[in-house]
N, C-alpha and C. Protein backbone atom coordinates (compact mmCIF):
# COMPACT_ATOMS: atom_id res chain seq x y z
N MET A 1 99.28 -79.04 -36.53
CA MET A 1 98.53 -77.80 -36.36
C MET A 1 99.38 -76.62 -36.83
N ALA A 2 98.75 -75.69 -37.50
CA ALA A 2 99.45 -74.51 -38.00
C ALA A 2 99.72 -73.53 -36.87
N ARG A 3 100.71 -72.72 -37.07
CA ARG A 3 100.99 -71.69 -36.07
C ARG A 3 99.98 -70.56 -36.21
N VAL A 4 99.74 -69.88 -35.12
CA VAL A 4 98.76 -68.79 -35.11
C VAL A 4 99.40 -67.53 -34.55
N PRO A 5 98.96 -66.36 -35.02
CA PRO A 5 99.50 -65.11 -34.49
C PRO A 5 98.79 -64.76 -33.18
N ILE A 6 99.57 -64.28 -32.23
CA ILE A 6 99.01 -63.82 -30.97
C ILE A 6 99.48 -62.39 -30.72
N VAL A 7 98.68 -61.63 -29.99
CA VAL A 7 99.00 -60.25 -29.68
C VAL A 7 99.21 -60.12 -28.19
N ASP A 8 100.35 -59.55 -27.79
CA ASP A 8 100.61 -59.23 -26.39
C ASP A 8 99.90 -57.91 -26.12
N GLN A 9 98.72 -57.99 -25.54
CA GLN A 9 97.91 -56.79 -25.35
C GLN A 9 98.50 -55.83 -24.32
N GLU A 10 99.37 -56.31 -23.46
CA GLU A 10 100.02 -55.40 -22.51
C GLU A 10 101.03 -54.50 -23.21
N ALA A 11 101.55 -54.96 -24.34
CA ALA A 11 102.52 -54.16 -25.09
C ALA A 11 101.88 -53.35 -26.21
N CYS A 12 100.67 -53.71 -26.59
CA CYS A 12 99.98 -53.05 -27.70
C CYS A 12 99.75 -51.57 -27.39
N ILE A 13 100.00 -50.72 -28.40
CA ILE A 13 99.79 -49.27 -28.24
C ILE A 13 98.60 -48.78 -29.06
N SER A 14 97.80 -49.69 -29.56
CA SER A 14 96.58 -49.36 -30.32
C SER A 14 96.86 -48.52 -31.56
N CYS A 15 97.95 -48.81 -32.23
CA CYS A 15 98.28 -48.02 -33.43
C CYS A 15 97.42 -48.40 -34.62
N ASN A 16 96.80 -49.57 -34.58
CA ASN A 16 95.88 -50.04 -35.62
C ASN A 16 96.57 -50.53 -36.89
N LEU A 17 97.89 -50.59 -36.90
CA LEU A 17 98.60 -50.99 -38.10
C LEU A 17 98.26 -52.42 -38.52
N CYS A 18 98.22 -53.33 -37.57
CA CYS A 18 97.91 -54.73 -37.90
C CYS A 18 96.50 -54.84 -38.47
N VAL A 19 95.58 -54.07 -37.93
CA VAL A 19 94.20 -54.08 -38.43
C VAL A 19 94.16 -53.51 -39.84
N ASP A 20 94.90 -52.45 -40.09
CA ASP A 20 94.95 -51.86 -41.43
C ASP A 20 95.55 -52.84 -42.44
N LEU A 21 96.60 -53.57 -42.03
CA LEU A 21 97.29 -54.48 -42.94
C LEU A 21 96.54 -55.78 -43.15
N VAL A 22 95.94 -56.33 -42.10
CA VAL A 22 95.30 -57.64 -42.18
C VAL A 22 93.97 -57.64 -41.41
N PRO A 23 92.98 -56.92 -41.91
CA PRO A 23 91.70 -56.86 -41.19
C PRO A 23 90.97 -58.20 -41.12
N GLU A 24 91.39 -59.15 -41.95
CA GLU A 24 90.79 -60.48 -41.92
C GLU A 24 91.21 -61.26 -40.68
N VAL A 25 92.28 -60.82 -40.02
CA VAL A 25 92.85 -61.56 -38.88
C VAL A 25 92.80 -60.75 -37.59
N PHE A 26 93.09 -59.46 -37.69
CA PHE A 26 93.19 -58.62 -36.50
C PHE A 26 92.05 -57.61 -36.41
N ARG A 27 91.70 -57.25 -35.19
CA ARG A 27 90.73 -56.18 -34.93
C ARG A 27 91.07 -55.55 -33.59
N LEU A 28 90.49 -54.40 -33.33
CA LEU A 28 90.64 -53.79 -32.01
C LEU A 28 89.48 -54.25 -31.15
N ASN A 29 89.79 -54.63 -29.91
CA ASN A 29 88.74 -55.08 -29.00
C ASN A 29 88.07 -53.89 -28.33
N SER A 30 87.19 -54.16 -27.38
CA SER A 30 86.44 -53.08 -26.73
C SER A 30 87.33 -52.15 -25.91
N ASP A 31 88.54 -52.60 -25.57
CA ASP A 31 89.50 -51.75 -24.87
C ASP A 31 90.40 -50.98 -25.83
N GLY A 32 90.18 -51.16 -27.13
CA GLY A 32 90.99 -50.47 -28.12
C GLY A 32 92.33 -51.13 -28.39
N LEU A 33 92.50 -52.37 -27.95
CA LEU A 33 93.75 -53.09 -28.15
C LEU A 33 93.58 -54.13 -29.25
N ALA A 34 94.65 -54.38 -29.98
CA ALA A 34 94.60 -55.36 -31.05
C ALA A 34 94.41 -56.76 -30.49
N GLU A 35 93.68 -57.56 -31.26
CA GLU A 35 93.50 -58.97 -30.92
C GLU A 35 93.38 -59.76 -32.21
N THR A 36 93.70 -61.04 -32.11
CA THR A 36 93.50 -61.96 -33.22
C THR A 36 92.11 -62.53 -33.10
N TYR A 37 91.31 -62.38 -34.14
CA TYR A 37 89.97 -62.96 -34.09
C TYR A 37 89.78 -64.08 -35.10
N ASP A 38 90.60 -64.14 -36.14
CA ASP A 38 90.54 -65.22 -37.12
C ASP A 38 91.96 -65.54 -37.57
N PRO A 39 92.67 -66.39 -36.83
CA PRO A 39 94.08 -66.66 -37.13
C PRO A 39 94.34 -67.30 -38.49
N THR A 40 93.33 -67.84 -39.11
CA THR A 40 93.49 -68.46 -40.43
C THR A 40 92.84 -67.62 -41.52
N GLY A 41 92.54 -66.37 -41.24
CA GLY A 41 91.83 -65.52 -42.18
C GLY A 41 92.67 -64.96 -43.32
N ALA A 42 93.97 -65.14 -43.27
CA ALA A 42 94.85 -64.61 -44.32
C ALA A 42 96.08 -65.50 -44.42
N PRO A 43 96.79 -65.43 -45.55
CA PRO A 43 98.01 -66.22 -45.70
C PRO A 43 99.08 -65.80 -44.67
N GLU A 44 99.93 -66.75 -44.30
CA GLU A 44 100.98 -66.47 -43.32
C GLU A 44 101.86 -65.31 -43.75
N GLU A 45 102.10 -65.17 -45.05
CA GLU A 45 102.96 -64.09 -45.54
C GLU A 45 102.37 -62.71 -45.20
N LYS A 46 101.06 -62.60 -45.33
CA LYS A 46 100.40 -61.33 -45.03
C LYS A 46 100.43 -61.05 -43.52
N ILE A 47 100.22 -62.09 -42.72
CA ILE A 47 100.29 -61.94 -41.27
C ILE A 47 101.71 -61.58 -40.85
N GLN A 48 102.68 -62.21 -41.49
CA GLN A 48 104.09 -61.91 -41.17
C GLN A 48 104.41 -60.46 -41.45
N ASP A 49 103.81 -59.88 -42.46
CA ASP A 49 104.02 -58.46 -42.77
C ASP A 49 103.55 -57.60 -41.59
N ALA A 50 102.41 -57.95 -41.02
CA ALA A 50 101.91 -57.22 -39.83
C ALA A 50 102.86 -57.40 -38.65
N ILE A 51 103.36 -58.61 -38.47
CA ILE A 51 104.31 -58.88 -37.38
C ILE A 51 105.57 -58.04 -37.58
N ASP A 52 106.10 -58.05 -38.78
CA ASP A 52 107.34 -57.32 -39.07
C ASP A 52 107.19 -55.81 -38.94
N ASN A 53 105.99 -55.29 -39.18
CA ASN A 53 105.78 -53.84 -39.17
C ASN A 53 105.22 -53.30 -37.86
N CYS A 54 104.88 -54.15 -36.92
CA CYS A 54 104.36 -53.68 -35.64
C CYS A 54 105.43 -52.83 -34.94
N PRO A 55 105.11 -51.59 -34.61
CA PRO A 55 106.13 -50.71 -34.03
C PRO A 55 106.61 -51.11 -32.64
N VAL A 56 105.85 -51.91 -31.93
CA VAL A 56 106.26 -52.33 -30.59
C VAL A 56 106.49 -53.84 -30.50
N ASN A 57 106.49 -54.52 -31.66
CA ASN A 57 106.76 -55.95 -31.71
C ASN A 57 105.89 -56.76 -30.75
N CYS A 58 104.60 -56.47 -30.72
CA CYS A 58 103.72 -57.18 -29.79
C CYS A 58 102.96 -58.34 -30.44
N ILE A 59 103.25 -58.66 -31.69
CA ILE A 59 102.61 -59.78 -32.37
C ILE A 59 103.67 -60.85 -32.63
N ALA A 60 103.31 -62.09 -32.34
CA ALA A 60 104.25 -63.19 -32.54
C ALA A 60 103.50 -64.44 -32.97
N TRP A 61 104.23 -65.39 -33.48
CA TRP A 61 103.66 -66.68 -33.83
C TRP A 61 103.65 -67.58 -32.60
N GLU A 62 102.59 -68.35 -32.47
CA GLU A 62 102.51 -69.37 -31.42
C GLU A 62 102.21 -70.69 -32.11
N ASP A 63 102.95 -71.72 -31.72
CA ASP A 63 102.74 -73.05 -32.32
C ASP A 63 101.66 -73.80 -31.59
């Protein structure tokens, strides 16, 4: 099984950066917090870019 990105919503500050970078994978939920809705919607390299650029490091890979 491939690894999937997860968002720690308690740490999320709703900056929307992950959604801007990878809208195929991330979106803001009804509380305005980032969530993964399609973990296979983009290549791992693109998702990794969102992980690397998150200002509060609230996105990580889960195996």
